[in-house]
């Protein structure tokens, strides 16, 4: 028996409708391919990867994650953190591919174990891709000697995971996709099938369900970034403890968990919608500024991340703009001389940020903070 999908109330349906409206607008924005879309998708994926790993104590900056994604050595992340990020990146890349798989796709225990091996394969002593053989206790944040949650006995894991796969393929198909994804997340983390990596796997499965349901591309639909913010992480653990109970208790009410996830999706959708809008406006403003200066428009691929407050690496610019190494170097040097980029670091650690002469109106708009609306207020 798994934790069961709850009945929704009118307020939950109203929040779902607002999320759907934001997703519809996002799909409209993405219907026509834009030159900035690739960089935006990479940044959103990096934010998701950084958020999910931060929850587990493997903190890396979004720029470092982007570097790892494109094969560059990160500036700050340790080798240990880099290995964790690379594993999660590999699993997320496969999830993005599975979003486009045809009708032959099916959930299975084997698929979950394969994703777990992609994510945790660098920990061979922890038997990635194999069920745990012993008990699992999630300890209290205040006192590690206290078990805040005890997972089901190891002998039950294969059967419960098979039941979850069966439910994913055919259970509660009339429930909204966000609700099904949230329930998949809850049940996998509650079963805790592996010795390590259960939280990250559960969040990745959440994103995979949304991707397979066609909600929107995985990089635009997940809540890993939102969950990785400190205050939200505390709430995440609290609601899992409230709903999951001190031991495996699938008869408990799961509505608080669904409401937590709907709030996360609503606020993440707000943030993504804002980022898409800002990206479009910043790219357009940079395009006009580059044209006025008589510079080639390929330089937008270097200027855009700098204007958004991120760093630029020569190799990444070279790949994004499809240039030779020499041409990329010349462009970067020209932008530094013009004061539109500023060089930081040395040798292999060299990177570039917004320079003092990059039009201030462009960078200020990209960095202006705005509040997120609470979806369950006002209904």
Foldseek 3Di string as FASTA:
>chain_A
DFQDQDDDDPLLVVLVVLLLVLLVVVCVLPVDPDLCVVVLLLLLVLLLLQLLVVLVVLHDDSLQLSCLLVPAHGQDGDPVSSLQSQLLSQLLVVLLVLLPDDPVDAFALQVLQVSQCSNPVVPVVQPRSAFDQAWDFDADPVDRVHGLETADGLVCLRVLRRVLRVCLRPNPPVDDLLSNLLSQLLRQLRNVGGPDDSNVSSQSSSLSSCSNVPSDRSSLQGLSSVCSDVVNVVVVVVLSSVQCDRYRDSVGDCVVSSLSSSQSRQQSSVVSSVLSVLLVVLLVVVQVVCVVVVHDSLCSLQLSCQLLVHKADLVSSCVSSVHDSVVSVVSVVVCVVVQQWPWDDDDSSIIIHGGPPNPPVSSCVSPDDDDTDRSSPPD
